[in-house]
Protein backbone atom coordinates (compact mmCIF):
# COMPACT_ATOMS: atom_id res chain seq x y z
CA MET A 1 80.63 165.02 166.62
CA LEU A 2 77.31 164.77 164.78
CA TYR A 3 79.20 164.03 161.55
CA MET A 4 81.04 161.13 163.22
CA LYS A 5 77.79 159.67 164.52
CA LYS A 6 76.45 159.64 160.94
CA ILE A 7 79.58 158.01 159.50
CA ILE A 8 80.01 155.19 162.06
CA PRO A 9 76.88 153.18 161.04
CA HIS A 10 77.98 153.26 157.38
CA VAL A 11 81.46 152.04 158.28
CA ALA A 12 79.97 149.21 160.35
CA VAL A 13 77.81 148.08 157.44
CA LEU A 14 80.78 148.18 155.04
CA CYS A 15 82.89 146.08 157.43
CA LEU A 16 80.09 143.55 157.73
CA LEU A 17 79.80 143.23 153.93
CA LEU A 18 83.57 142.78 153.57
CA ALA A 19 83.57 140.10 156.28
CA CYS A 20 80.78 138.16 154.53
CA SER A 21 82.62 138.35 151.20
CA ALA A 22 85.85 137.02 152.75
CA SER A 23 83.92 134.22 154.42
CA LYS A 24 82.41 133.10 151.10
CA GLN A 25 85.80 133.16 149.37
CA ALA A 26 87.35 131.08 152.14
CA ALA A 27 84.54 128.52 151.90
CA SER A 28 84.74 128.28 148.12
CA PRO A 29 87.86 126.06 147.84
CA GLY A 30 86.38 123.60 150.30
CA THR A 31 83.19 123.35 148.28
CA GLN A 32 85.14 122.68 145.08
CA SER A 33 87.21 120.01 146.79
CA ALA A 34 84.13 118.23 148.07
CA SER A 35 82.58 118.40 144.62
CA SER A 36 85.66 116.98 142.92
CA GLY A 37 85.79 114.18 145.51
CA ALA A 38 82.18 113.27 144.77
CA SER A 39 82.81 113.23 141.03
CA SER A 40 85.64 110.72 141.51
CA GLY A 41 83.12 108.20 142.83
CA ALA A 42 85.02 107.64 146.07
CA THR A 43 83.13 107.23 149.33
CA SER A 44 84.21 109.00 152.51
CA ASP A 45 86.25 105.93 153.52
CA GLY A 46 88.04 105.62 150.18
CA TRP A 47 86.10 102.87 148.38
CA ILE A 48 85.58 103.47 144.65
CA SER A 49 82.95 101.63 142.61
CA LEU A 50 84.13 99.81 139.47
CA PHE A 51 80.65 98.77 138.28
CA ASP A 52 77.77 101.17 137.69
CA GLY A 53 75.09 98.49 138.15
CA LYS A 54 73.61 99.22 134.71
CA SER A 55 76.18 98.42 132.02
CA LEU A 56 79.59 96.95 131.26
CA ASP A 57 81.04 100.41 130.66
CA ASN A 58 84.73 100.47 131.67
CA TRP A 59 84.97 96.69 131.33
CA LYS A 60 86.45 94.76 128.40
CA VAL A 61 85.98 91.18 127.26
CA GLY A 62 87.64 89.25 124.46
CA ASP A 63 86.33 85.93 123.15
CA ASN A 64 82.81 84.79 124.02
CA ALA A 65 81.68 88.26 125.05
CA GLY A 66 78.09 87.04 125.37
CA THR A 67 79.06 85.15 128.52
CA PHE A 68 78.71 88.39 130.48
CA THR A 69 75.46 90.29 130.87
CA VAL A 70 73.99 92.82 133.29
CA GLU A 71 70.77 91.80 135.04
CA ASN A 72 69.05 93.53 137.94
CA GLY A 73 72.13 95.47 138.97
CA THR A 74 74.50 92.50 138.76
CA ILE A 75 77.13 91.18 136.37
CA VAL A 76 76.15 87.64 135.39
CA ALA A 77 78.84 85.20 134.20
CA HIS A 78 77.13 82.37 132.31
CA GLY A 79 78.41 80.82 129.11
CA ASN A 80 81.54 79.67 127.34
CA THR A 81 84.90 80.43 128.90
CA ALA A 82 85.53 84.18 128.95
CA HIS A 83 87.09 86.85 131.14
CA LEU A 84 85.83 90.36 131.82
CA PHE A 85 88.65 92.82 132.54
CA TYR A 86 88.28 96.15 134.30
CA ASP A 87 89.43 98.75 131.74
CA GLY A 88 88.25 101.98 133.36
CA PRO A 89 89.80 105.20 134.63
CA VAL A 90 90.38 104.31 138.29
CA LYS A 91 94.18 104.21 138.67
CA ASP A 92 94.19 103.85 134.87
CA HIS A 93 93.17 100.20 135.60
CA ASN A 94 96.64 99.50 136.95
CA PHE A 95 96.65 98.52 140.63
CA LYS A 96 99.50 97.43 142.86
CA ASN A 97 98.48 97.69 146.52
CA PHE A 98 94.74 97.71 147.17
CA ASP A 99 91.66 96.48 148.98
CA PHE A 100 89.11 94.92 146.63
CA LYS A 101 85.74 93.47 147.47
CA ALA A 102 82.60 92.31 145.74
CA GLN A 103 79.29 90.72 146.58
CA VAL A 104 79.13 87.30 144.92
CA MET A 105 76.49 84.59 144.55
CA THR A 106 76.87 81.18 142.93
CA GLU A 107 74.28 78.79 141.60
CA PRO A 108 74.83 75.09 142.45
CA GLY A 109 77.71 73.45 140.60
CA SER A 110 79.20 76.76 139.46
CA ASN A 111 82.82 77.84 139.16
CA SER A 112 84.31 81.30 138.63
CA GLY A 113 87.15 83.48 139.82
CA ILE A 114 88.45 86.98 140.45
CA TYR A 115 91.86 87.80 138.98
CA PHE A 116 94.16 90.57 140.15
CA HIS A 117 97.45 91.97 138.83
CA THR A 118 96.37 90.69 135.42
CA THR A 119 96.15 92.24 131.96
CA PHE A 120 93.71 92.01 129.07
CA GLN A 121 93.91 88.76 127.14
CA GLN A 122 91.77 87.97 124.10
CA GLY A 123 91.12 84.35 125.00
CA GLY A 124 92.11 81.44 127.24
CA TRP A 125 92.85 81.53 130.96
CA PRO A 126 94.68 84.73 131.96
CA ALA A 127 98.40 84.01 132.15
CA LYS A 128 99.36 87.02 134.27
CA GLY A 129 98.44 87.55 137.90
CA TYR A 130 96.65 85.54 140.56
CA GLU A 131 93.17 84.03 140.63
CA VAL A 132 90.99 84.09 143.74
CA GLN A 133 88.58 81.18 143.50
CA VAL A 134 84.78 81.37 143.43
CA ASN A 135 83.42 77.84 143.86
CA ASN A 136 81.14 76.43 146.54
CA SER A 137 79.99 73.16 144.95
CA HIS A 138 81.73 72.62 141.59
CA THR A 139 83.67 69.38 141.05
CA ASP A 140 86.96 71.29 141.41
CA TRP A 141 88.00 70.74 145.04
CA ARG A 142 89.55 74.21 145.35
CA ARG A 143 86.86 76.22 147.14
CA THR A 144 85.88 79.86 147.40
CA GLY A 145 88.71 81.99 148.76
CA SER A 146 91.55 79.87 147.41
CA LEU A 147 94.53 81.66 145.93
CA TYR A 148 94.22 79.26 143.06
CA ALA A 149 96.90 76.53 142.95
CA ILE A 150 99.09 78.61 145.28
CA GLU A 151 97.34 78.42 148.65
CA ASP A 152 94.11 76.47 148.32
CA VAL A 153 91.07 76.25 150.57
CA LYS A 154 89.24 72.93 150.94
CA GLU A 155 86.57 74.12 153.40
CA VAL A 156 83.24 75.46 152.18
CA TYR A 157 82.54 78.76 153.95
CA VAL A 158 79.44 79.90 152.06
CA LYS A 159 76.44 78.30 150.39
CA ASP A 160 75.13 78.50 146.85
CA ASN A 161 72.26 80.90 146.16
CA VAL A 162 73.38 83.20 149.00
CA TRP A 163 75.14 86.55 148.59
CA TYR A 164 78.51 86.77 150.34
CA THR A 165 81.44 89.20 150.41
CA GLU A 166 84.76 88.21 148.86
CA GLN A 167 87.60 90.57 149.76
CA VAL A 168 91.22 90.65 148.58
CA THR A 169 93.91 92.85 150.11
CA VAL A 170 97.38 93.19 148.61
CA ARG A 171 100.17 95.07 150.39
CA GLY A 172 103.64 94.46 149.07
CA LYS A 173 104.11 90.70 148.73
CA ARG A 174 101.29 89.85 151.12
CA VAL A 175 97.84 88.68 149.95
CA VAL A 176 94.95 88.38 152.43
CA ILE A 177 91.64 86.89 151.29
CA LYS A 178 88.49 87.18 153.39
CA ILE A 179 85.07 85.57 153.00
CA ASN A 180 82.41 87.48 154.93
CA ASP A 181 85.21 89.13 156.95
CA LYS A 182 86.79 85.78 157.87
CA VAL A 183 90.43 85.40 156.80
CA VAL A 184 90.76 82.20 154.76
CA VAL A 185 94.15 82.87 153.11
CA ASP A 186 97.11 84.89 154.37
CA TYR A 187 99.95 84.39 151.91
CA THR A 188 103.28 86.12 151.45
CA GLU A 189 105.03 85.53 148.17
CA PRO A 190 108.63 84.40 148.71
CA GLU A 191 111.46 86.45 147.27
CA ASN A 192 112.62 85.30 143.84
CA VAL A 193 109.95 82.59 143.71
CA GLN A 194 110.07 80.28 140.70
CA ARG A 195 106.72 79.01 139.41
CA PRO A 196 106.27 75.77 137.43
CA LYS A 197 105.72 75.77 133.68
CA GLY A 198 102.44 77.38 132.74
CA MET A 199 102.35 79.46 135.94
CA GLU A 200 105.42 81.61 135.39
CA GLN A 201 103.43 84.85 135.68
CA ARG A 202 101.59 83.93 138.89
CA LEU A 203 103.46 86.68 140.66
CA ILE A 204 102.87 89.88 142.62
CA SER A 205 103.32 92.77 140.21
CA ASN A 206 100.62 95.22 139.11
CA GLY A 207 97.65 95.19 136.78
CA THR A 208 93.89 95.11 136.60
CA PHE A 209 91.05 92.89 137.82
CA ALA A 210 89.08 90.31 135.84
CA LEU A 211 85.97 88.24 136.46
CA GLN A 212 85.80 84.71 135.09
CA GLY A 213 83.09 82.98 133.09
CA HIS A 214 84.15 79.37 133.58
CA ASP A 215 81.81 77.17 131.57
CA PRO A 216 78.21 77.00 130.26
CA LYS A 217 76.99 75.09 133.33
CA SER A 218 78.28 77.74 135.75
CA LYS A 219 76.22 80.80 136.63
CA VAL A 220 77.71 83.35 139.00
CA TYR A 221 76.57 86.86 139.97
CA PHE A 222 78.70 89.86 140.98
CA LYS A 223 77.64 93.24 142.36
CA ASP A 224 78.93 96.10 144.58
CA ILE A 225 82.39 95.76 143.05
CA VAL A 226 84.64 98.29 144.78
CA VAL A 227 88.32 99.00 145.27
CA LYS A 228 90.34 101.10 147.69
CA PRO A 229 93.80 101.89 146.27
CA LEU A 230 96.56 101.79 148.89
CA GLU A 231 99.92 103.54 148.91
CA ASP A 232 102.56 101.79 146.83
């Protein structure tokens, strides 16, 4: 009986140590998963940053590369016509269904755009994909939020020299464009649509994003550029 009394405390300690070890092993996979999620750059609600706020890493530009610079945590488009294409690792820069949004600010008289479902092009206006207009006071009457030359917006929803949010959501054939959370375009591409000459590739497909440098008189700022891939 005395022997058993001496053994029991040792057994209790051993059981406690084994329980602690099992607890740590069970917690380990969860810790690794959280770490890998953080390294992907995704937030808890699925948004992934495409711009690090410091450089044009993971972006690619063809002609007139000097049009794009990084200043104070923003991408500045100011110069001769050029387009800056996302060329990074997120979805291997090939998106189909997604939510995309960016903070944008225009100086007076400026014009720019955000392309989606496009592909890198050395020069000229991107032939593939759609353009979402950025323009609050340029001479072009198509205003911010237009699905350019497809479903255009004439109203001015935001002012120059003020940051606003431009959001594009694509699910299947449907494109929804919001300015500061207000829906300004809700377009569904018809089946077997035929575009006029010069716009043959203005179609829902897949591809990357691009920011537009329109002309030397236009100066437009972009920041907080994020995407949330959706199920295909």
